[in-house]
Amino acid sequence: MSRNAARITSLPLLLGVLALVPATPAWASDQEPAATGSEEPGDTEDDALRERLTEREDKRRPLEPWSVQVAGRPLIVGGEIEIVQDSLRRFPVDDPARRVNRSLSAQELEVEAFYSLGRPLSLFAQVRTGIEEVLRPDTSATVSNRFVERGEMWLYSEHIAGSNLSLDLGRLDFEDDRRWWWDEELDAIRVEYEAERFDLALAFARELAPSRSDRDFVDPQHDRVHRVIAEASWGWRRNHVLQLFALHQDDRSHREFPGRVVQLDREDESDARLTWVGARLMGGIDFGAHGMLGYWLDAAQVRGKEHLAEFETLDWNSFPVQQSIVASVSQQDVRGWAMDAGLNWILPLAWEPRLIAGIAFGTGDRNSDDGADYAFRQTGLHANEAGFGGVQRYGHYGVLLDPELSNLQVLTFGAGLTLLQSSSLDLVHHRYRLVEPATSLRDARLDVALTGTHRELGSGIDAVLALEEWERFEFEFVAAAFRAGPAFGSAEGSWSYGGFLALRIAF
């Protein structure tokens, strides 16, 4: 297991102590269970420490970064330039004959600096600046955003007083292996205990300031939300790991009341006190001449109470900024569960072909008027990007629909190939079915309006090409399509298409 994976741990002890709080040490994202963070030949202790603390699976950095001596120790500076083109051609459900095109162009510069005094203290800071342009060819309208964003910024100390305890404080990276629980940067403090085959981490997080310069307020999803995040991992056998997760989330922002007027981008539809707990089994079995079989099994449940507010948009011509009014408020209990399981068989043939099969299920709510919501919802920190063994991660529930696992069953089948030395090509098919008939999805990339009478949502297909043959460059291309099922009513059989192109240059 690589040094990052070693940092995610399993949670039997933590579940016993906290009884309810999902897990997450910051830097984890490898999929092997063991964990030692051993140094590469020729690495200095400072190099090994920097790589272990700052390298991310989705970030590419040169082998020999630029550095300058400060007080006798290296200040290491690096970063990445990313150029993205994301296009979507979709159908509006109210008029399937009409097509709406949309595209996003983005350029981002990420700069970071790492300085260490050794294991007692390391410092890291990361800043991004970018331009995003949303283009609508059907209307010729362009929305452009320029921003500066604070990334990870932290102080870290390990082996405190000769123990196995580590502490980090600042804006921390929370990332689990499959990003099914979280993939987010949060203002937090975290304590971690590391042993040879066991890790345990506990963190408290609360956003202290806006993350981007184009917003002067904390996003309502994070505003005054207190989170206790925990994760433990036990490498119980070589190439096999048990992880347990917990998250307790308490939204302490003000409660909405009927008649209150708010800006449209400050709508806070949910104030909740929720607890997630769950477990993951993951690993690989070597069958020798028959290849390697990887497996994963995730299970989670959520419990708590939620206050909901419904908003009505006011006539924007009457106000300098778009506003809405709180039309009604309500309260409900939240009780749901979910599971995600799958296999990834790597064949011992040329190009290392991979066969992929998976099933995911998140409960739905049959009666919306009984004061309880039995639909599972994910943590809100999730990304759902596993990658199925390719060199780049992508949405494992479909790149185009990209739904949250709530009131949904997803069947996945696919195949992949290893190209050249560090590249891959994947083709993946998804079939979607609602657990309970509904008029909408809780969250998805495509805006959908459903009939509320059918469960067959549709199917999607993704083709993902990732090229990483160079030290400083990587290229990613995704082509995706979604076909609407009977749940879309008159739009059944309509297709939506999407394309994603990214070039990343590390320095």
Protein backbone atom coordinates (compact mmCIF):
# COMPACT_ATOMS: atom_id res chain seq x y z
CA MET A 1 0.00 0.00 0.00
CA SER A 2 1.36 3.37 -0.83
CA ARG A 3 2.10 5.93 1.79
CA ASN A 4 -1.25 7.66 1.34
CA ALA A 5 -3.29 4.52 1.63
CA ALA A 6 -1.50 3.71 4.77
CA ARG A 7 -3.06 6.80 6.29
CA ILE A 8 -6.65 5.68 5.97
CA THR A 9 -7.63 3.34 8.75
CA SER A 10 -10.33 1.09 10.04
CA LEU A 11 -12.71 1.95 12.78
CA PRO A 12 -13.66 -0.73 15.22
CA LEU A 13 -12.21 1.17 18.16
CA LEU A 14 -13.59 4.51 16.99
CA LEU A 15 -17.09 3.16 16.48
CA GLY A 16 -17.00 1.80 19.98
CA VAL A 17 -15.90 5.14 21.42
CA LEU A 18 -17.96 7.52 19.33
CA ALA A 19 -20.68 5.09 18.37
CA LEU A 20 -21.50 7.32 15.41
CA VAL A 21 -19.05 9.33 13.36
CA PRO A 22 -17.77 8.60 9.75
CA ALA A 23 -14.21 8.41 8.98
CA THR A 24 -11.54 10.14 6.98
CA PRO A 25 -7.91 10.80 7.30
CA ALA A 26 -6.90 13.34 4.83
CA TRP A 27 -4.47 12.05 2.44
CA ALA A 28 -5.57 8.58 1.58
CA SER A 29 -6.22 7.38 -1.86
CA ASP A 30 -4.39 4.22 -2.78
CA GLN A 31 -6.26 0.98 -2.97
CA GLU A 32 -3.78 -1.45 -1.39
CA PRO A 33 -4.22 -2.25 2.24
CA ALA A 34 -0.77 -2.52 3.72
CA ALA A 35 1.02 0.67 4.60
CA THR A 36 4.48 1.72 5.38
CA GLY A 37 5.46 4.71 3.27
CA SER A 38 8.90 3.37 2.54
CA GLU A 39 11.40 5.57 0.80
CA GLU A 40 12.46 5.18 -2.81
CA PRO A 41 16.14 4.41 -3.33
CA GLY A 42 18.09 7.64 -3.34
CA ASP A 43 15.39 9.65 -1.59
CA THR A 44 16.44 11.79 1.34
CA GLU A 45 14.34 11.76 4.48
CA ASP A 46 12.95 15.20 3.56
CA ASP A 47 12.02 13.97 0.05
CA ALA A 48 10.21 10.95 1.45
CA LEU A 49 8.36 13.12 3.97
CA ARG A 50 7.27 15.61 1.30
CA GLU A 51 6.08 12.87 -1.05
CA ARG A 52 4.14 11.14 1.69
CA LEU A 53 2.43 14.32 2.90
CA THR A 54 1.75 16.21 -0.32
CA GLU A 55 1.43 13.76 -3.21
CA ARG A 56 -2.12 13.12 -4.35
CA GLU A 57 -3.26 10.42 -6.73
CA ASP A 58 -4.96 12.98 -8.99
CA LYS A 59 -1.99 15.38 -9.00
CA ARG A 60 1.04 15.04 -11.24
CA ARG A 61 4.37 16.49 -10.12
CA PRO A 62 7.91 16.28 -11.59
CA LEU A 63 10.38 13.88 -10.00
CA GLU A 64 12.80 16.73 -9.24
CA PRO A 65 10.78 19.82 -8.26
CA TRP A 66 12.23 23.31 -8.10
CA SER A 67 13.61 24.28 -4.68
CA VAL A 68 15.59 27.00 -2.94
CA GLN A 69 17.47 26.83 0.36
CA VAL A 70 15.88 28.76 3.24
CA ALA A 71 17.63 28.65 6.62
CA GLY A 72 19.55 25.61 5.48
CA ARG A 73 16.50 23.59 4.38
CA PRO A 74 14.78 23.33 0.98
CA LEU A 75 11.64 25.32 0.22
CA ILE A 76 10.04 23.27 -2.55
CA VAL A 77 7.75 25.03 -5.01
CA GLY A 78 5.63 23.38 -7.70
CA GLY A 79 2.21 23.28 -9.20
CA GLU A 80 0.07 22.53 -12.18
CA ILE A 81 -1.63 24.21 -15.11
CA GLU A 82 -4.97 22.70 -16.13
CA ILE A 83 -6.95 23.47 -19.28
CA VAL A 84 -10.44 21.96 -19.46
CA GLN A 85 -13.21 21.85 -22.06
CA ASP A 86 -16.48 20.29 -20.90
CA SER A 87 -19.45 20.09 -23.30
CA LEU A 88 -23.01 18.87 -22.84
CA ARG A 89 -25.80 18.36 -25.37
CA ARG A 90 -29.02 17.50 -23.60
CA PHE A 91 -32.77 17.44 -24.07
CA PRO A 92 -35.17 19.52 -21.98
CA VAL A 93 -37.83 17.13 -20.70
CA ASP A 94 -40.67 19.57 -21.38
CA ASP A 95 -39.71 19.64 -25.10
CA PRO A 96 -37.76 16.54 -26.21
CA ALA A 97 -37.58 17.79 -29.80
CA ARG A 98 -35.43 20.77 -28.75
CA ARG A 99 -31.77 20.42 -27.87
CA VAL A 100 -29.88 22.64 -25.46
CA ASN A 101 -26.11 22.91 -25.79
CA ARG A 102 -23.83 23.98 -23.00
CA SER A 103 -20.08 24.06 -22.57
CA LEU A 104 -17.61 25.00 -19.90
CA SER A 105 -14.12 26.28 -20.59
CA ALA A 106 -11.74 26.55 -17.66
CA GLN A 107 -8.08 27.40 -17.13
CA GLU A 108 -6.52 27.02 -13.72
CA LEU A 109 -3.08 27.66 -12.28
CA GLU A 110 -2.22 25.88 -9.03
CA VAL A 111 0.91 26.87 -7.09
CA GLU A 112 2.09 25.18 -3.91
CA ALA A 113 5.01 25.38 -1.50
CA PHE A 114 6.32 22.86 1.04
CA TYR A 115 8.83 23.53 3.82
CA SER A 116 9.86 21.14 6.54
CA LEU A 117 11.93 21.17 9.69
CA GLY A 118 11.73 17.39 9.68
CA ARG A 119 9.16 15.25 11.42
CA PRO A 120 8.49 17.77 14.22
CA LEU A 121 7.00 20.37 11.84
CA SER A 122 6.10 20.67 8.14
CA LEU A 123 4.25 23.50 6.39
CA PHE A 124 2.33 23.39 3.13
CA ALA A 125 0.37 26.06 1.24
CA GLN A 126 -1.54 25.84 -2.02
CA VAL A 127 -3.30 28.59 -4.00
CA ARG A 128 -5.29 28.34 -7.22
CA THR A 129 -6.31 31.03 -9.65
CA GLY A 130 -8.59 30.41 -12.57
CA ILE A 131 -11.08 31.51 -15.18
CA GLU A 132 -14.33 29.66 -15.87
CA GLU A 133 -16.54 30.48 -18.85
CA VAL A 134 -19.94 28.87 -19.32
CA LEU A 135 -20.99 29.10 -22.96
CA ARG A 136 -24.51 28.58 -24.28
CA PRO A 137 -24.34 28.45 -28.09
CA ASP A 138 -28.13 28.32 -28.39
CA THR A 139 -28.40 31.76 -26.74
CA SER A 140 -24.87 33.11 -27.36
CA ALA A 141 -24.76 33.97 -23.64
CA THR A 142 -21.49 33.71 -21.74
CA VAL A 143 -21.00 33.72 -17.98
CA SER A 144 -17.40 34.26 -16.92
CA ASN A 145 -15.91 33.86 -13.44
CA ARG A 146 -12.41 34.79 -12.34
CA PHE A 147 -11.31 33.67 -8.92
CA VAL A 148 -8.53 32.94 -6.49
CA GLU A 149 -9.06 29.86 -4.34
CA ARG A 150 -7.30 28.69 -1.22
CA GLY A 151 -6.30 25.05 -1.42
CA GLU A 152 -4.62 22.96 1.24
CA MET A 153 -2.80 25.03 3.85
CA TRP A 154 -1.57 23.24 6.94
CA LEU A 155 0.93 22.65 9.71
CA TYR A 156 1.81 19.03 10.38
CA SER A 157 3.76 17.26 13.10
CA GLU A 158 4.27 13.51 13.34
CA HIS A 159 5.61 11.06 15.92
CA ILE A 160 4.84 13.60 18.62
CA ALA A 161 7.05 13.05 21.68
CA GLY A 162 8.26 9.80 20.14
CA SER A 163 4.75 8.33 19.90
CA ASN A 164 2.76 7.08 16.92
CA LEU A 165 0.55 10.17 17.04
CA SER A 166 0.46 12.86 14.36
CA LEU A 167 -1.33 16.21 14.30
CA ASP A 168 -2.24 18.50 11.43
CA LEU A 169 -4.06 21.82 11.52
CA GLY A 170 -5.32 24.12 8.77
CA ARG A 171 -7.13 23.52 5.50
CA LEU A 172 -6.86 19.76 5.15
CA ASP A 173 -7.51 17.27 2.38
CA PHE A 174 -10.10 14.58 3.16
CA GLU A 175 -10.14 11.79 0.60
CA ASP A 176 -11.04 8.11 0.83
CA ASP A 177 -9.97 5.40 -1.62
CA ARG A 178 -13.16 5.43 -3.68
CA ARG A 179 -14.27 8.98 -2.85
CA TRP A 180 -17.58 7.44 -1.86
CA TRP A 181 -17.44 9.14 1.53
CA TRP A 182 -15.47 12.30 0.87
CA ASP A 183 -13.21 14.20 -1.47
CA GLU A 184 -13.05 17.69 -0.03
CA GLU A 185 -10.77 20.33 1.45
CA LEU A 186 -12.00 21.60 4.83
CA ASP A 187 -10.77 23.87 7.63
CA ALA A 188 -10.01 21.29 10.29
CA ILE A 189 -7.78 19.82 12.96
CA ARG A 190 -6.92 16.13 12.84
CA VAL A 191 -5.18 13.64 15.12
CA GLU A 192 -3.96 10.35 13.72
CA TYR A 193 -2.51 7.20 15.23
CA GLU A 194 -0.37 5.06 12.93
CA ALA A 195 0.90 1.54 13.49
CA GLU A 196 2.33 -1.01 11.05
CA ARG A 197 -1.01 -2.44 9.93
CA PHE A 198 -3.51 -0.20 11.70
CA ASP A 199 -4.38 3.49 11.40
CA LEU A 200 -6.93 5.59 13.21
CA ALA A 201 -7.78 9.25 12.52
CA LEU A 202 -10.20 11.68 14.13
CA ALA A 203 -10.87 15.23 12.91
CA PHE A 204 -13.07 18.22 13.70
CA ALA A 205 -13.95 20.50 10.78
CA ARG A 206 -15.74 23.81 10.37
CA GLU A 207 -15.38 26.29 7.52
CA LEU A 208 -13.89 29.56 8.76
CA ALA A 209 -14.00 31.66 5.59
CA PRO A 210 -15.08 31.56 1.93
CA SER A 211 -12.89 29.28 -0.16
CA ARG A 212 -12.99 31.44 -3.33
CA SER A 213 -12.59 35.15 -3.97
CA ASP A 214 -15.69 35.35 -6.18
CA ARG A 215 -17.87 34.67 -3.11
CA ASP A 216 -17.88 36.79 0.02
CA PHE A 217 -19.70 34.19 2.12
CA VAL A 218 -19.34 30.56 3.09
CA ASP A 219 -21.39 28.23 0.90
CA PRO A 220 -24.73 27.44 2.65
CA GLN A 221 -23.85 23.73 2.47
CA HIS A 222 -20.89 24.38 4.80
CA ASP A 223 -21.91 27.53 6.69
CA ARG A 224 -21.64 26.96 10.46
CA VAL A 225 -21.66 23.19 9.94
CA HIS A 226 -19.68 21.29 12.57
CA ARG A 227 -18.28 17.95 11.43
CA VAL A 228 -16.58 15.20 13.39
CA ILE A 229 -14.86 12.93 10.89
CA ALA A 230 -13.23 9.63 11.70
CA GLU A 231 -11.69 6.76 9.82
CA ALA A 232 -9.79 3.62 10.71
CA SER A 233 -8.06 1.01 8.57
CA TRP A 234 -6.77 -2.44 9.35
CA GLY A 235 -4.62 -4.35 6.87
CA TRP A 236 -5.75 -7.72 8.24
CA ARG A 237 -4.00 -9.60 5.48
CA ARG A 238 -1.61 -8.72 2.67
CA ASN A 239 -3.60 -6.96 -0.10
CA HIS A 240 -6.79 -6.95 1.98
CA VAL A 241 -8.07 -4.08 4.12
CA LEU A 242 -11.01 -3.39 6.39
CA GLN A 243 -11.99 0.26 6.76
CA LEU A 244 -14.66 1.78 8.97
CA PHE A 245 -16.01 5.30 8.60
CA ALA A 246 -18.05 7.71 10.66
CA LEU A 247 -19.25 11.28 10.23
CA HIS A 248 -21.37 13.35 12.58
CA GLN A 249 -22.60 16.58 11.01
CA ASP A 250 -24.42 19.33 12.92
CA ASP A 251 -25.70 22.32 10.94
CA ARG A 252 -25.83 25.26 13.34
CA SER A 253 -26.79 27.95 10.82
CA HIS A 254 -29.97 29.93 11.42
CA ARG A 255 -33.28 28.22 10.71
CA GLU A 256 -35.36 29.60 7.88
CA PHE A 257 -38.88 30.88 8.53
CA PRO A 258 -41.78 31.56 6.14
CA GLY A 259 -41.64 34.98 4.49
CA ARG A 260 -37.88 35.47 4.82
CA VAL A 261 -36.25 36.90 1.68
CA VAL A 262 -32.74 35.73 0.75
CA GLN A 263 -30.40 36.03 -2.19
CA LEU A 264 -30.81 33.17 -4.64
CA ASP A 265 -27.25 31.90 -4.15
CA ARG A 266 -27.70 31.88 -0.34
CA GLU A 267 -30.69 29.56 -0.25
CA ASP A 268 -30.22 27.01 2.52
CA GLU A 269 -32.79 24.30 1.89
CA SER A 270 -31.64 21.94 4.62
CA ASP A 271 -30.44 22.30 8.21
CA ALA A 272 -29.74 18.85 9.60
CA ARG A 273 -28.10 16.94 12.40
CA LEU A 274 -27.05 13.67 10.79
CA THR A 275 -24.74 10.78 11.53
CA TRP A 276 -23.31 8.35 9.00
CA VAL A 277 -21.54 5.10 9.90
CA GLY A 278 -20.22 2.49 7.51
CA ALA A 279 -17.60 -0.06 6.56
CA ARG A 280 -15.57 -1.10 3.54
CA LEU A 281 -13.86 -4.34 2.59
CA MET A 282 -11.41 -4.01 -0.26
CA GLY A 283 -8.50 -5.94 -1.69
CA GLY A 284 -7.15 -8.22 -4.37
CA ILE A 285 -6.69 -11.97 -4.84
CA ASP A 286 -3.88 -13.30 -7.03
CA PHE A 287 -5.00 -16.31 -9.08
CA GLY A 288 -1.65 -16.70 -10.80
CA ALA A 289 -2.18 -17.77 -14.41
CA HIS A 290 -5.83 -16.71 -14.18
CA GLY A 291 -5.07 -13.11 -13.28
CA MET A 292 -5.85 -10.84 -10.34
CA LEU A 293 -9.34 -10.31 -8.93
CA GLY A 294 -9.97 -7.04 -7.11
CA TYR A 295 -13.08 -6.52 -5.01
CA TRP A 296 -14.81 -3.85 -2.95
CA LEU A 297 -17.83 -3.78 -0.68
CA ASP A 298 -19.13 -0.53 0.85
CA ALA A 299 -22.06 -0.26 3.25
CA ALA A 300 -23.40 2.78 5.09
CA GLN A 301 -26.38 4.08 6.97
CA VAL A 302 -27.51 7.59 7.88
CA ARG A 303 -29.71 8.68 10.80
CA GLY A 304 -30.82 12.06 12.15
CA LYS A 305 -33.25 14.95 11.90
CA GLU A 306 -33.60 17.55 9.19
CA HIS A 307 -35.33 20.94 8.89
CA LEU A 308 -36.36 21.74 5.31
CA ALA A 309 -37.24 25.04 3.64
CA GLU A 310 -38.97 25.52 0.30
CA PHE A 311 -38.19 28.68 -1.68
CA GLU A 312 -40.02 30.58 -4.41
CA THR A 313 -38.01 32.80 -6.74
CA LEU A 314 -39.10 36.43 -6.79
CA ASP A 315 -39.40 38.49 -9.97
CA TRP A 316 -35.73 39.30 -10.56
CA ASN A 317 -36.58 42.46 -12.53
CA SER A 318 -37.80 44.04 -9.28
CA PHE A 319 -34.52 43.62 -7.40
CA PRO A 320 -30.84 44.45 -8.03
CA VAL A 321 -29.91 40.80 -7.35
CA GLN A 322 -31.93 37.62 -7.78
CA GLN A 323 -33.85 36.82 -4.62
CA SER A 324 -36.22 34.18 -3.30
CA ILE A 325 -38.66 33.93 -0.43
CA VAL A 326 -39.15 31.09 2.04
CA ALA A 327 -42.56 29.62 1.17
CA SER A 328 -42.75 26.89 3.82
CA VAL A 329 -40.70 24.97 6.39
CA SER A 330 -40.98 21.41 7.69
CA GLN A 331 -39.14 18.82 9.78
CA GLN A 332 -38.45 15.14 9.19
CA ASP A 333 -36.50 12.18 10.51
CA VAL A 334 -33.81 10.77 8.21
CA ARG A 335 -33.21 7.02 7.99
CA GLY A 336 -31.53 5.41 5.02
CA TRP A 337 -28.88 2.92 4.01
CA ALA A 338 -26.79 2.06 0.97
CA MET A 339 -24.34 -0.48 -0.39
CA ASP A 340 -21.90 -0.62 -3.28
CA ALA A 341 -20.10 -3.81 -4.32
CA GLY A 342 -18.08 -4.89 -7.30
CA LEU A 343 -15.32 -6.91 -8.92
CA ASN A 344 -12.42 -5.95 -11.16
CA TRP A 345 -10.72 -8.89 -12.89
CA ILE A 346 -7.31 -8.17 -14.44
CA LEU A 347 -6.40 -10.84 -17.01
CA PRO A 348 -2.78 -11.97 -17.51
CA LEU A 349 -2.80 -11.04 -21.20
CA ALA A 350 -1.24 -8.39 -23.40
CA TRP A 351 -2.49 -4.89 -22.50
CA GLU A 352 -3.71 -6.22 -19.12
CA PRO A 353 -7.43 -6.21 -19.96
CA ARG A 354 -9.80 -5.53 -17.05
CA LEU A 355 -13.39 -6.74 -16.70
CA ILE A 356 -15.58 -4.68 -14.36
CA ALA A 357 -18.92 -5.48 -12.70
CA GLY A 358 -20.66 -3.60 -9.92
CA ILE A 359 -23.98 -2.96 -8.20
CA ALA A 360 -24.92 -0.01 -6.01
CA PHE A 361 -28.13 0.59 -4.08
CA GLY A 362 -29.40 3.52 -2.04
CA THR A 363 -32.79 3.36 -0.31
CA GLY A 364 -35.72 5.54 -1.35
CA ASP A 365 -38.71 7.07 0.42
CA ARG A 366 -42.14 5.66 -0.39
CA ASN A 367 -44.25 8.21 1.53
CA SER A 368 -43.15 11.84 1.62
CA ASP A 369 -45.93 12.85 4.04
CA ASP A 370 -45.20 10.60 7.04
CA GLY A 371 -42.56 12.83 8.66
CA ALA A 372 -39.69 10.46 7.87
CA ASP A 373 -37.34 10.29 4.88
CA TYR A 374 -36.11 6.75 4.30
CA ALA A 375 -34.01 7.72 1.29
CA PHE A 376 -30.27 7.41 1.74
CA ARG A 377 -28.20 10.48 1.04
CA GLN A 378 -24.43 10.68 0.77
CA THR A 379 -22.32 12.94 2.96
CA GLY A 380 -22.21 15.93 0.59
CA LEU A 381 -18.42 15.67 0.72
CA HIS A 382 -18.36 12.76 -1.74
CA ALA A 383 -17.19 12.70 -5.36
CA ASN A 384 -17.97 9.08 -6.45
CA GLU A 385 -14.81 8.69 -8.51
CA ALA A 386 -13.22 5.26 -8.33
CA GLY A 387 -11.71 4.83 -11.79
CA PHE A 388 -12.01 1.00 -11.94
CA GLY A 389 -8.25 0.50 -12.17
CA GLY A 390 -7.43 2.96 -14.96
CA VAL A 391 -4.75 5.62 -14.57
CA GLN A 392 -7.38 8.37 -14.11
CA ARG A 393 -10.40 8.46 -11.83
CA TYR A 394 -13.84 9.26 -13.26
CA GLY A 395 -17.44 9.10 -12.10
CA HIS A 396 -18.15 5.48 -11.25
CA TYR A 397 -21.94 6.02 -11.46
CA GLY A 398 -21.69 7.56 -14.92
CA VAL A 399 -19.86 10.67 -16.07
CA LEU A 400 -22.89 12.30 -17.70
CA LEU A 401 -25.74 11.62 -15.26
CA ASP A 402 -23.34 11.51 -12.27
CA PRO A 403 -26.10 10.88 -9.71
CA GLU A 404 -25.91 10.80 -5.95
CA LEU A 405 -26.64 7.31 -4.63
CA SER A 406 -30.09 8.12 -3.28
CA ASN A 407 -33.31 6.29 -4.20
CA LEU A 408 -31.31 4.59 -6.90
CA GLN A 409 -29.98 1.24 -8.08
CA VAL A 410 -27.04 1.28 -10.48
CA LEU A 411 -25.78 -1.77 -12.39
CA THR A 412 -22.33 -1.35 -13.94
CA PHE A 413 -20.45 -3.44 -16.49
CA GLY A 414 -17.30 -2.49 -18.30
CA ALA A 415 -13.88 -3.32 -19.66
CA GLY A 416 -10.53 -1.58 -19.70
CA LEU A 417 -7.07 -1.85 -21.24
CA THR A 418 -3.61 -0.69 -20.23
CA LEU A 419 -1.99 1.27 -23.07
CA LEU A 420 1.73 1.90 -23.48
CA GLN A 421 3.38 2.29 -20.04
CA SER A 422 1.12 4.64 -18.06
CA SER A 423 -2.12 5.05 -20.01
CA SER A 424 -5.52 3.38 -20.10
CA LEU A 425 -8.74 3.08 -22.08
CA ASP A 426 -12.06 2.17 -20.41
CA LEU A 427 -15.56 1.52 -21.74
CA VAL A 428 -18.27 1.35 -19.06
CA HIS A 429 -22.06 0.86 -19.20
CA HIS A 430 -24.53 1.82 -16.43
CA ARG A 431 -28.18 0.96 -16.01
CA TYR A 432 -30.26 3.07 -13.62
CA ARG A 433 -33.47 2.18 -11.81
CA LEU A 434 -35.31 4.17 -9.14
CA VAL A 435 -36.01 2.33 -5.91
CA GLU A 436 -39.26 4.28 -5.47
CA PRO A 437 -41.06 6.26 -8.21
CA ALA A 438 -40.10 9.94 -7.97
CA THR A 439 -40.38 13.22 -9.88
CA SER A 440 -36.71 14.13 -9.50
CA LEU A 441 -33.28 12.92 -8.41
CA ARG A 442 -31.74 14.20 -5.21
CA ASP A 443 -28.63 15.37 -7.07
CA ALA A 444 -27.34 14.73 -10.58
CA ARG A 445 -25.35 16.49 -13.26
CA LEU A 446 -28.29 16.41 -15.67
CA ASP A 447 -31.39 18.40 -14.71
CA VAL A 448 -34.22 15.88 -14.89
CA ALA A 449 -37.98 15.99 -14.38
CA LEU A 450 -39.55 12.56 -13.98
CA THR A 451 -43.14 11.30 -14.20
CA GLY A 452 -43.28 9.85 -10.68
CA THR A 453 -44.91 6.66 -12.00
CA HIS A 454 -42.05 4.64 -13.57
CA ARG A 455 -38.85 3.32 -12.04
CA GLU A 456 -36.73 2.63 -15.13
CA LEU A 457 -34.53 5.72 -15.28
CA GLY A 458 -32.34 4.88 -18.26
CA SER A 459 -28.81 3.86 -19.18
CA GLY A 460 -25.47 5.49 -19.80
CA ILE A 461 -22.17 4.68 -21.44
CA ASP A 462 -18.71 6.22 -20.90
CA ALA A 463 -15.49 5.94 -22.89
CA VAL A 464 -12.44 7.20 -20.97
CA LEU A 465 -8.95 7.63 -22.47
CA ALA A 466 -6.13 8.75 -20.17
CA LEU A 467 -2.54 9.29 -21.36
CA GLU A 468 0.21 9.78 -18.78
CA GLU A 469 3.38 8.79 -20.62
CA TRP A 470 5.30 11.94 -19.76
CA GLU A 471 6.71 13.23 -16.51
CA ARG A 472 5.03 16.64 -16.69
CA PHE A 473 2.06 16.17 -19.01
CA GLU A 474 -1.18 14.24 -18.86
CA PHE A 475 -4.14 14.13 -21.20
CA GLU A 476 -7.68 12.96 -20.46
CA PHE A 477 -10.65 12.55 -22.80
CA VAL A 478 -14.14 11.32 -21.87
CA ALA A 479 -17.07 10.74 -24.23
CA ALA A 480 -20.38 9.96 -22.50
CA ALA A 481 -24.02 9.38 -23.43
CA PHE A 482 -27.27 8.88 -21.53
CA ARG A 483 -30.52 7.38 -22.86
CA ALA A 484 -33.71 8.30 -21.01
CA GLY A 485 -35.98 5.51 -19.80
CA PRO A 486 -39.75 5.32 -19.14
CA ALA A 487 -39.36 7.44 -15.97
CA PHE A 488 -38.92 10.45 -18.29
CA GLY A 489 -42.37 10.02 -19.84
CA SER A 490 -42.59 11.50 -23.35
CA ALA A 491 -38.81 12.01 -23.41
CA GLU A 492 -38.21 8.24 -23.21
CA GLY A 493 -35.60 7.15 -25.74
CA SER A 494 -34.02 10.60 -26.01
CA TRP A 495 -30.24 10.85 -25.83
CA SER A 496 -27.96 13.32 -24.11
CA TYR A 497 -24.27 13.54 -24.94
CA GLY A 498 -21.23 14.92 -23.21
CA GLY A 499 -17.53 15.32 -23.79
CA PHE A 500 -14.68 16.21 -21.44
CA LEU A 501 -11.14 17.13 -22.47
CA ALA A 502 -8.35 18.06 -20.05
CA LEU A 503 -4.66 18.88 -20.41
CA ARG A 504 -2.53 19.15 -17.27
CA ILE A 505 1.04 20.42 -17.13
CA ALA A 506 3.03 19.96 -13.93
CA PHE A 507 5.97 22.13 -12.93
